[in-house]
N, C-alpha and C. Protein backbone atom coordinates (compact mmCIF):
# COMPACT_ATOMS: atom_id res chain seq x y z
N UNK A 1 -5.47 25.76 13.46
CA UNK A 1 -5.94 27.09 13.12
C UNK A 1 -5.69 27.36 11.64
N UNK A 2 -6.67 27.96 10.99
CA UNK A 2 -6.56 28.23 9.56
C UNK A 2 -5.65 29.41 9.27
N UNK A 3 -5.15 29.44 8.07
CA UNK A 3 -4.30 30.52 7.61
C UNK A 3 -5.09 31.81 7.49
N UNK A 4 -4.43 32.92 7.71
CA UNK A 4 -5.08 34.23 7.55
C UNK A 4 -5.44 34.50 6.11
N UNK A 5 -4.77 33.83 5.19
CA UNK A 5 -5.04 34.05 3.78
C UNK A 5 -6.10 33.08 3.26
N UNK A 6 -6.84 32.49 4.14
CA UNK A 6 -7.88 31.54 3.75
C UNK A 6 -8.89 32.21 2.82
N UNK A 7 -9.27 31.51 1.79
CA UNK A 7 -10.30 31.98 0.87
C UNK A 7 -11.68 31.74 1.46
N UNK A 8 -11.83 30.64 2.17
CA UNK A 8 -13.13 30.23 2.68
C UNK A 8 -13.46 30.92 4.00
N UNK A 9 -14.73 31.24 4.17
CA UNK A 9 -15.21 31.74 5.45
C UNK A 9 -15.21 30.58 6.44
N UNK A 10 -15.39 30.87 7.71
CA UNK A 10 -15.45 29.80 8.71
C UNK A 10 -16.58 28.82 8.40
N UNK A 11 -17.73 29.35 7.99
CA UNK A 11 -18.87 28.49 7.66
C UNK A 11 -18.55 27.59 6.47
N UNK A 12 -17.95 28.16 5.42
CA UNK A 12 -17.59 27.37 4.23
C UNK A 12 -16.52 26.33 4.58
N UNK A 13 -15.60 26.74 5.39
CA UNK A 13 -14.52 25.84 5.82
C UNK A 13 -15.09 24.64 6.58
N UNK A 14 -16.00 24.90 7.51
CA UNK A 14 -16.61 23.81 8.28
C UNK A 14 -17.45 22.91 7.39
N UNK A 15 -18.14 23.49 6.42
CA UNK A 15 -18.94 22.68 5.50
C UNK A 15 -18.02 21.76 4.69
N UNK A 16 -16.93 22.30 4.19
CA UNK A 16 -15.98 21.50 3.41
C UNK A 16 -15.40 20.37 4.26
N UNK A 17 -15.18 20.64 5.53
CA UNK A 17 -14.69 19.63 6.45
C UNK A 17 -15.70 18.49 6.58
N UNK A 18 -16.98 18.83 6.75
CA UNK A 18 -18.03 17.81 6.85
C UNK A 18 -18.17 17.02 5.56
N UNK A 19 -18.11 17.73 4.45
CA UNK A 19 -18.22 17.07 3.14
C UNK A 19 -17.06 16.09 2.94
N UNK A 20 -15.86 16.52 3.29
CA UNK A 20 -14.70 15.65 3.10
C UNK A 20 -14.84 14.36 3.93
N UNK A 21 -15.44 14.49 5.12
CA UNK A 21 -15.66 13.30 5.95
C UNK A 21 -16.75 12.40 5.39
N UNK A 22 -17.66 12.95 4.62
CA UNK A 22 -18.65 12.11 3.92
C UNK A 22 -17.95 11.31 2.81
N UNK A 23 -17.00 11.94 2.16
CA UNK A 23 -16.29 11.28 1.06
C UNK A 23 -15.31 10.23 1.57
N UNK A 24 -14.62 10.55 2.67
CA UNK A 24 -13.67 9.60 3.26
C UNK A 24 -13.89 9.58 4.77
N UNK A 25 -14.82 8.74 5.21
CA UNK A 25 -15.05 8.63 6.66
C UNK A 25 -13.97 7.80 7.33
N UNK A 26 -13.85 7.95 8.62
CA UNK A 26 -12.89 7.15 9.39
C UNK A 26 -13.39 5.70 9.47
N UNK A 27 -12.45 4.79 9.61
CA UNK A 27 -12.81 3.41 9.93
C UNK A 27 -11.87 2.92 11.02
N UNK A 28 -11.81 1.61 11.25
CA UNK A 28 -11.01 1.08 12.36
C UNK A 28 -9.53 1.42 12.24
N UNK A 29 -9.04 1.52 11.02
CA UNK A 29 -7.60 1.70 10.83
C UNK A 29 -7.21 3.02 10.18
N UNK A 30 -8.13 3.67 9.54
CA UNK A 30 -7.79 4.87 8.78
C UNK A 30 -8.53 6.10 9.32
N UNK A 31 -7.88 7.26 9.28
CA UNK A 31 -8.52 8.47 9.76
C UNK A 31 -9.53 9.02 8.74
N UNK A 32 -10.44 9.83 9.22
CA UNK A 32 -11.35 10.54 8.33
C UNK A 32 -10.56 11.61 7.58
N UNK A 33 -11.11 12.07 6.47
CA UNK A 33 -10.43 13.08 5.65
C UNK A 33 -10.11 14.34 6.44
N UNK A 34 -11.02 14.77 7.30
CA UNK A 34 -10.77 16.01 8.05
C UNK A 34 -9.63 15.85 9.06
N UNK A 35 -9.38 14.63 9.49
CA UNK A 35 -8.30 14.41 10.45
C UNK A 35 -6.92 14.65 9.84
N UNK A 36 -6.82 14.54 8.52
CA UNK A 36 -5.56 14.84 7.85
C UNK A 36 -5.65 16.16 7.09
N UNK A 37 -6.68 16.92 7.41
CA UNK A 37 -6.85 18.30 6.94
C UNK A 37 -6.97 18.44 5.43
N UNK A 38 -7.75 17.57 4.81
CA UNK A 38 -7.97 17.68 3.37
C UNK A 38 -8.67 19.00 3.03
N UNK A 39 -9.54 19.46 3.90
CA UNK A 39 -10.25 20.72 3.67
C UNK A 39 -9.29 21.90 3.65
N UNK A 40 -8.24 21.87 4.47
CA UNK A 40 -7.25 22.94 4.46
C UNK A 40 -6.40 22.88 3.20
N UNK A 41 -6.12 21.68 2.73
CA UNK A 41 -5.39 21.50 1.47
C UNK A 41 -6.15 22.18 0.33
N UNK A 42 -7.47 21.93 0.28
CA UNK A 42 -8.30 22.51 -0.78
C UNK A 42 -8.35 24.02 -0.65
N UNK A 43 -8.48 24.52 0.56
CA UNK A 43 -8.51 25.97 0.79
C UNK A 43 -7.21 26.60 0.28
N UNK A 44 -6.09 25.98 0.57
CA UNK A 44 -4.80 26.49 0.10
C UNK A 44 -4.71 26.40 -1.41
N UNK A 45 -5.17 25.30 -1.97
CA UNK A 45 -5.12 25.09 -3.42
C UNK A 45 -5.86 26.18 -4.18
N UNK A 46 -7.04 26.55 -3.71
CA UNK A 46 -7.86 27.51 -4.46
C UNK A 46 -7.40 28.95 -4.29
N UNK A 47 -6.44 29.19 -3.41
CA UNK A 47 -5.95 30.56 -3.23
C UNK A 47 -5.32 31.12 -4.49
N UNK A 48 -4.62 30.29 -5.23
CA UNK A 48 -3.89 30.77 -6.42
C UNK A 48 -4.45 30.24 -7.73
N UNK A 49 -5.62 29.68 -7.68
CA UNK A 49 -6.22 29.14 -8.90
C UNK A 49 -7.64 29.70 -9.04
N UNK A 50 -7.78 30.83 -9.72
CA UNK A 50 -9.09 31.49 -9.80
C UNK A 50 -10.22 30.62 -10.33
N UNK A 51 -9.94 29.79 -11.32
CA UNK A 51 -11.00 28.94 -11.87
C UNK A 51 -11.47 27.93 -10.83
N UNK A 52 -10.52 27.30 -10.13
CA UNK A 52 -10.90 26.35 -9.07
C UNK A 52 -11.59 27.08 -7.92
N UNK A 53 -11.11 28.27 -7.60
CA UNK A 53 -11.73 29.04 -6.52
C UNK A 53 -13.20 29.27 -6.82
N UNK A 54 -13.48 29.75 -8.03
CA UNK A 54 -14.87 30.01 -8.43
C UNK A 54 -15.69 28.72 -8.39
N UNK A 55 -15.11 27.64 -8.92
CA UNK A 55 -15.81 26.36 -8.94
C UNK A 55 -16.15 25.89 -7.53
N UNK A 56 -15.19 25.98 -6.62
CA UNK A 56 -15.43 25.52 -5.25
C UNK A 56 -16.37 26.44 -4.49
N UNK A 57 -16.22 27.74 -4.65
CA UNK A 57 -17.12 28.65 -3.93
C UNK A 57 -18.56 28.48 -4.39
N UNK A 58 -18.76 28.33 -5.70
CA UNK A 58 -20.11 28.09 -6.21
C UNK A 58 -20.64 26.73 -5.78
N UNK A 59 -19.77 25.72 -5.79
CA UNK A 59 -20.18 24.38 -5.36
C UNK A 59 -20.55 24.32 -3.89
N UNK A 60 -19.77 24.98 -3.06
CA UNK A 60 -20.07 25.02 -1.63
C UNK A 60 -21.39 25.74 -1.39
N UNK A 61 -21.59 26.85 -2.12
CA UNK A 61 -22.87 27.57 -2.01
C UNK A 61 -24.02 26.67 -2.43
N UNK A 62 -23.81 25.90 -3.48
CA UNK A 62 -24.86 24.99 -3.96
C UNK A 62 -25.17 23.91 -2.92
N UNK A 63 -24.17 23.41 -2.24
CA UNK A 63 -24.41 22.43 -1.17
C UNK A 63 -25.26 23.06 -0.07
N UNK A 64 -24.89 24.27 0.33
CA UNK A 64 -25.67 24.99 1.35
C UNK A 64 -27.11 25.20 0.91
N UNK A 65 -27.29 25.68 -0.32
CA UNK A 65 -28.64 25.96 -0.83
C UNK A 65 -29.47 24.69 -0.93
N UNK A 66 -28.87 23.61 -1.40
CA UNK A 66 -29.60 22.34 -1.54
C UNK A 66 -29.99 21.80 -0.18
N UNK A 67 -29.12 21.91 0.79
CA UNK A 67 -29.45 21.48 2.15
C UNK A 67 -30.58 22.34 2.71
N UNK A 68 -30.50 23.64 2.52
CA UNK A 68 -31.52 24.56 3.03
C UNK A 68 -32.89 24.25 2.42
N UNK A 69 -32.90 23.92 1.12
CA UNK A 69 -34.15 23.56 0.45
C UNK A 69 -34.76 22.30 1.06
N UNK A 70 -33.92 21.46 1.64
CA UNK A 70 -34.41 20.24 2.28
C UNK A 70 -34.90 20.49 3.70
N UNK A 71 -34.70 21.72 4.20
CA UNK A 71 -35.27 22.06 5.49
C UNK A 71 -34.30 22.26 6.63
N UNK A 72 -33.00 21.97 6.43
CA UNK A 72 -32.05 22.23 7.50
C UNK A 72 -30.66 22.49 6.92
N UNK A 73 -29.77 22.90 7.77
CA UNK A 73 -28.41 23.16 7.31
C UNK A 73 -27.66 21.85 7.19
N UNK A 74 -26.62 21.86 6.35
CA UNK A 74 -25.85 20.65 6.11
C UNK A 74 -25.25 20.11 7.40
N UNK A 75 -24.75 21.01 8.25
CA UNK A 75 -24.12 20.55 9.49
C UNK A 75 -25.11 19.97 10.49
N UNK A 76 -26.39 20.33 10.37
CA UNK A 76 -27.40 19.79 11.28
C UNK A 76 -27.95 18.44 10.80
N UNK A 77 -27.62 18.06 9.59
CA UNK A 77 -28.13 16.81 9.02
C UNK A 77 -27.37 15.60 9.54
N UNK A 78 -28.02 14.44 9.49
CA UNK A 78 -27.32 13.20 9.81
C UNK A 78 -26.57 12.73 8.56
N UNK A 79 -25.78 11.70 8.72
CA UNK A 79 -24.93 11.22 7.63
C UNK A 79 -25.70 10.81 6.38
N UNK A 80 -26.82 10.15 6.56
CA UNK A 80 -27.61 9.70 5.40
C UNK A 80 -28.15 10.89 4.62
N UNK A 81 -28.68 11.89 5.34
CA UNK A 81 -29.21 13.08 4.67
C UNK A 81 -28.09 13.86 3.97
N UNK A 82 -26.91 13.88 4.56
CA UNK A 82 -25.78 14.55 3.91
C UNK A 82 -25.42 13.84 2.61
N UNK A 83 -25.45 12.51 2.63
CA UNK A 83 -25.15 11.75 1.41
C UNK A 83 -26.18 12.03 0.32
N UNK A 84 -27.44 12.19 0.71
CA UNK A 84 -28.49 12.52 -0.26
C UNK A 84 -28.20 13.87 -0.91
N UNK A 85 -27.81 14.84 -0.10
CA UNK A 85 -27.49 16.17 -0.63
C UNK A 85 -26.30 16.07 -1.58
N UNK A 86 -25.28 15.35 -1.20
CA UNK A 86 -24.10 15.22 -2.06
C UNK A 86 -24.41 14.48 -3.35
N UNK A 87 -25.31 13.53 -3.30
CA UNK A 87 -25.73 12.84 -4.53
C UNK A 87 -26.44 13.81 -5.47
N UNK A 88 -27.26 14.69 -4.89
CA UNK A 88 -27.93 15.72 -5.71
C UNK A 88 -26.91 16.65 -6.36
N UNK A 89 -25.89 17.00 -5.61
CA UNK A 89 -24.83 17.87 -6.15
C UNK A 89 -24.07 17.14 -7.25
N UNK A 90 -23.77 15.88 -7.03
CA UNK A 90 -23.08 15.09 -8.06
C UNK A 90 -23.90 15.05 -9.34
N UNK A 91 -25.20 14.85 -9.21
CA UNK A 91 -26.07 14.77 -10.39
C UNK A 91 -26.22 16.11 -11.11
N UNK A 92 -26.20 17.21 -10.35
CA UNK A 92 -26.47 18.51 -10.96
C UNK A 92 -25.21 19.30 -11.30
N UNK A 93 -24.08 18.98 -10.69
CA UNK A 93 -22.86 19.75 -10.91
C UNK A 93 -21.67 18.79 -10.89
N UNK A 94 -21.59 17.97 -11.91
CA UNK A 94 -20.56 16.94 -11.96
C UNK A 94 -19.15 17.52 -12.01
N UNK A 95 -18.98 18.67 -12.66
CA UNK A 95 -17.65 19.28 -12.73
C UNK A 95 -17.13 19.60 -11.32
N UNK A 96 -17.96 20.26 -10.52
CA UNK A 96 -17.55 20.57 -9.15
C UNK A 96 -17.36 19.30 -8.33
N UNK A 97 -18.32 18.40 -8.40
CA UNK A 97 -18.25 17.21 -7.58
C UNK A 97 -17.02 16.37 -7.93
N UNK A 98 -16.73 16.25 -9.21
CA UNK A 98 -15.54 15.50 -9.63
C UNK A 98 -14.26 16.12 -9.12
N UNK A 99 -14.19 17.45 -9.18
CA UNK A 99 -13.00 18.15 -8.68
C UNK A 99 -12.90 18.05 -7.16
N UNK A 100 -14.04 18.11 -6.49
CA UNK A 100 -14.08 17.96 -5.04
C UNK A 100 -13.54 16.59 -4.63
N UNK A 101 -14.01 15.55 -5.28
CA UNK A 101 -13.54 14.19 -4.98
C UNK A 101 -12.06 14.06 -5.32
N UNK A 102 -11.67 14.55 -6.49
CA UNK A 102 -10.28 14.46 -6.92
C UNK A 102 -9.34 15.14 -5.93
N UNK A 103 -9.65 16.35 -5.53
CA UNK A 103 -8.77 17.09 -4.63
C UNK A 103 -8.79 16.53 -3.21
N UNK A 104 -9.93 16.02 -2.79
CA UNK A 104 -10.00 15.40 -1.46
C UNK A 104 -9.13 14.15 -1.43
N UNK A 105 -9.24 13.32 -2.46
CA UNK A 105 -8.42 12.11 -2.53
C UNK A 105 -6.95 12.46 -2.68
N UNK A 106 -6.65 13.47 -3.49
CA UNK A 106 -5.27 13.91 -3.67
C UNK A 106 -4.67 14.32 -2.33
N UNK A 107 -5.39 15.12 -1.56
CA UNK A 107 -4.90 15.55 -0.25
C UNK A 107 -4.76 14.37 0.70
N UNK A 108 -5.74 13.49 0.70
CA UNK A 108 -5.75 12.37 1.63
C UNK A 108 -4.59 11.42 1.36
N UNK A 109 -4.44 11.02 0.11
CA UNK A 109 -3.45 10.00 -0.21
C UNK A 109 -2.04 10.54 -0.43
N UNK A 110 -1.84 11.82 -0.21
CA UNK A 110 -0.49 12.37 -0.16
C UNK A 110 -0.14 12.80 1.26
N UNK A 111 -1.05 12.60 2.18
CA UNK A 111 -0.80 12.91 3.59
C UNK A 111 0.23 11.93 4.15
N UNK A 112 1.27 12.42 4.80
CA UNK A 112 2.26 11.50 5.38
C UNK A 112 1.64 10.47 6.32
N UNK A 113 0.65 10.87 7.09
CA UNK A 113 0.00 9.93 8.03
C UNK A 113 -0.67 8.78 7.28
N UNK A 114 -1.39 9.10 6.21
CA UNK A 114 -2.09 8.07 5.43
C UNK A 114 -1.07 7.19 4.70
N UNK A 115 -0.05 7.81 4.14
CA UNK A 115 0.97 7.02 3.43
C UNK A 115 1.61 5.98 4.35
N UNK A 116 1.88 6.37 5.58
CA UNK A 116 2.45 5.42 6.55
C UNK A 116 1.45 4.31 6.85
N UNK A 117 0.18 4.67 7.03
CA UNK A 117 -0.83 3.67 7.35
C UNK A 117 -1.08 2.66 6.23
N UNK A 118 -0.89 3.09 4.99
CA UNK A 118 -1.08 2.15 3.87
C UNK A 118 0.22 1.48 3.47
N UNK A 119 1.28 1.72 4.25
CA UNK A 119 2.54 1.03 4.03
C UNK A 119 3.43 1.61 2.96
N UNK A 120 3.19 2.84 2.58
CA UNK A 120 4.00 3.45 1.53
C UNK A 120 5.07 4.38 2.08
N UNK A 121 5.04 4.67 3.37
CA UNK A 121 6.01 5.61 3.93
C UNK A 121 5.74 7.00 3.42
N UNK A 122 6.39 7.96 4.02
CA UNK A 122 6.14 9.33 3.59
C UNK A 122 7.37 9.94 2.93
N UNK A 123 8.38 9.13 2.68
CA UNK A 123 9.59 9.63 2.04
C UNK A 123 9.48 9.48 0.53
N UNK A 124 10.20 10.32 -0.21
CA UNK A 124 10.22 10.15 -1.66
C UNK A 124 10.98 8.87 -2.02
N UNK A 125 10.76 8.33 -3.21
CA UNK A 125 11.41 7.07 -3.59
C UNK A 125 12.94 7.19 -3.71
N UNK A 126 13.46 8.37 -3.91
CA UNK A 126 14.91 8.58 -3.98
C UNK A 126 15.30 9.46 -2.82
N UNK A 127 16.39 9.38 -2.21
CA UNK A 127 17.54 8.53 -2.52
C UNK A 127 17.61 7.31 -1.62
N UNK A 128 16.66 6.42 -1.68
CA UNK A 128 16.66 5.22 -0.85
C UNK A 128 17.44 4.08 -1.47
N UNK A 129 18.06 4.34 -2.60
CA UNK A 129 18.86 3.30 -3.20
C UNK A 129 18.14 2.50 -4.26
N UNK A 130 16.96 2.90 -4.66
CA UNK A 130 16.28 2.20 -5.74
C UNK A 130 17.07 2.44 -7.01
N UNK A 131 17.22 1.40 -7.81
CA UNK A 131 17.94 1.59 -9.05
C UNK A 131 16.97 2.06 -10.14
N UNK A 132 17.46 2.92 -10.98
CA UNK A 132 16.66 3.45 -12.08
C UNK A 132 17.15 2.84 -13.38
N UNK A 133 16.23 2.71 -14.32
CA UNK A 133 16.62 2.22 -15.63
C UNK A 133 17.54 3.23 -16.28
N UNK A 134 18.52 2.71 -17.01
CA UNK A 134 19.39 3.61 -17.76
C UNK A 134 18.67 3.99 -19.05
N UNK A 135 18.67 5.27 -19.31
CA UNK A 135 18.02 5.74 -20.53
C UNK A 135 18.96 5.65 -21.73
N UNK A 136 18.39 5.63 -22.91
CA UNK A 136 19.16 5.61 -24.15
C UNK A 136 19.29 7.05 -24.62
N UNK A 137 20.42 7.68 -24.26
CA UNK A 137 20.63 9.08 -24.59
C UNK A 137 20.86 9.31 -26.08
N UNK A 138 21.12 8.25 -26.83
CA UNK A 138 21.30 8.41 -28.27
C UNK A 138 20.01 8.86 -28.94
N UNK A 139 18.89 8.66 -28.26
CA UNK A 139 17.61 9.11 -28.80
C UNK A 139 17.53 10.63 -28.89
N UNK A 140 18.41 11.31 -28.16
CA UNK A 140 18.42 12.77 -28.15
C UNK A 140 19.35 13.38 -29.20
N UNK A 141 20.06 12.55 -29.95
CA UNK A 141 21.05 13.06 -30.90
C UNK A 141 20.45 14.03 -31.91
N UNK A 142 19.29 13.73 -32.44
CA UNK A 142 18.68 14.61 -33.43
C UNK A 142 18.41 15.99 -32.84
N UNK A 143 18.00 16.04 -31.61
CA UNK A 143 17.74 17.32 -30.95
C UNK A 143 19.06 18.04 -30.70
N UNK A 144 20.05 17.32 -30.23
CA UNK A 144 21.35 17.94 -29.96
C UNK A 144 22.01 18.43 -31.24
N UNK A 145 21.88 17.70 -32.33
CA UNK A 145 22.48 18.09 -33.61
C UNK A 145 21.80 19.31 -34.21
N UNK A 146 20.57 19.57 -33.83
CA UNK A 146 19.84 20.72 -34.35
C UNK A 146 20.47 22.02 -33.86
N UNK A 147 21.11 21.96 -32.73
CA UNK A 147 21.75 23.15 -32.17
C UNK A 147 20.77 24.04 -31.45
N UNK A 148 21.26 25.22 -31.09
CA UNK A 148 20.45 26.17 -30.32
C UNK A 148 19.29 26.69 -31.18
N UNK A 149 18.08 26.66 -30.60
CA UNK A 149 16.91 27.15 -31.33
C UNK A 149 16.24 28.31 -30.59
N UNK A 150 16.95 28.89 -29.65
CA UNK A 150 16.42 30.03 -28.90
C UNK A 150 17.35 31.21 -29.04
N UNK A 151 16.81 32.39 -28.75
CA UNK A 151 17.62 33.61 -28.81
C UNK A 151 18.30 33.85 -27.48
N UNK A 152 19.50 34.36 -27.52
CA UNK A 152 20.14 34.83 -26.31
C UNK A 152 19.56 36.20 -26.00
N UNK A 153 19.35 36.46 -24.74
CA UNK A 153 18.78 37.76 -24.35
C UNK A 153 19.77 38.87 -24.48
């Protein structure tokens, strides 16, 4: 169930779900993008980022309009027709399409389920005992010698 603070309408949310599955479809070993809720990740992301919100809302509207111009709704289309629509969007609105792909991949490849399936686990690299390189703190001497450069409140 979606959050009450969702930016997207149910129709927009479902369209984004279908689009994400076009970008990352399921195969024998990996889930489709919608199965790990990439569309919900994007909906949450655009809640606090007005520029991204505008970009995504306009892009989703453009997908709807382009599909409608082709004679049917995006959800009624088959996979090949959906890909044609998305190619048109990529050609005409590269900024939106690039951000759509970027955020879909970001959500997908940070999903704990996907990380486990690709053998990366879902835990952070620390504190598993990995050793870190020791830094050369002498490189900071010039900054430390400069002293305080801010005002006390």
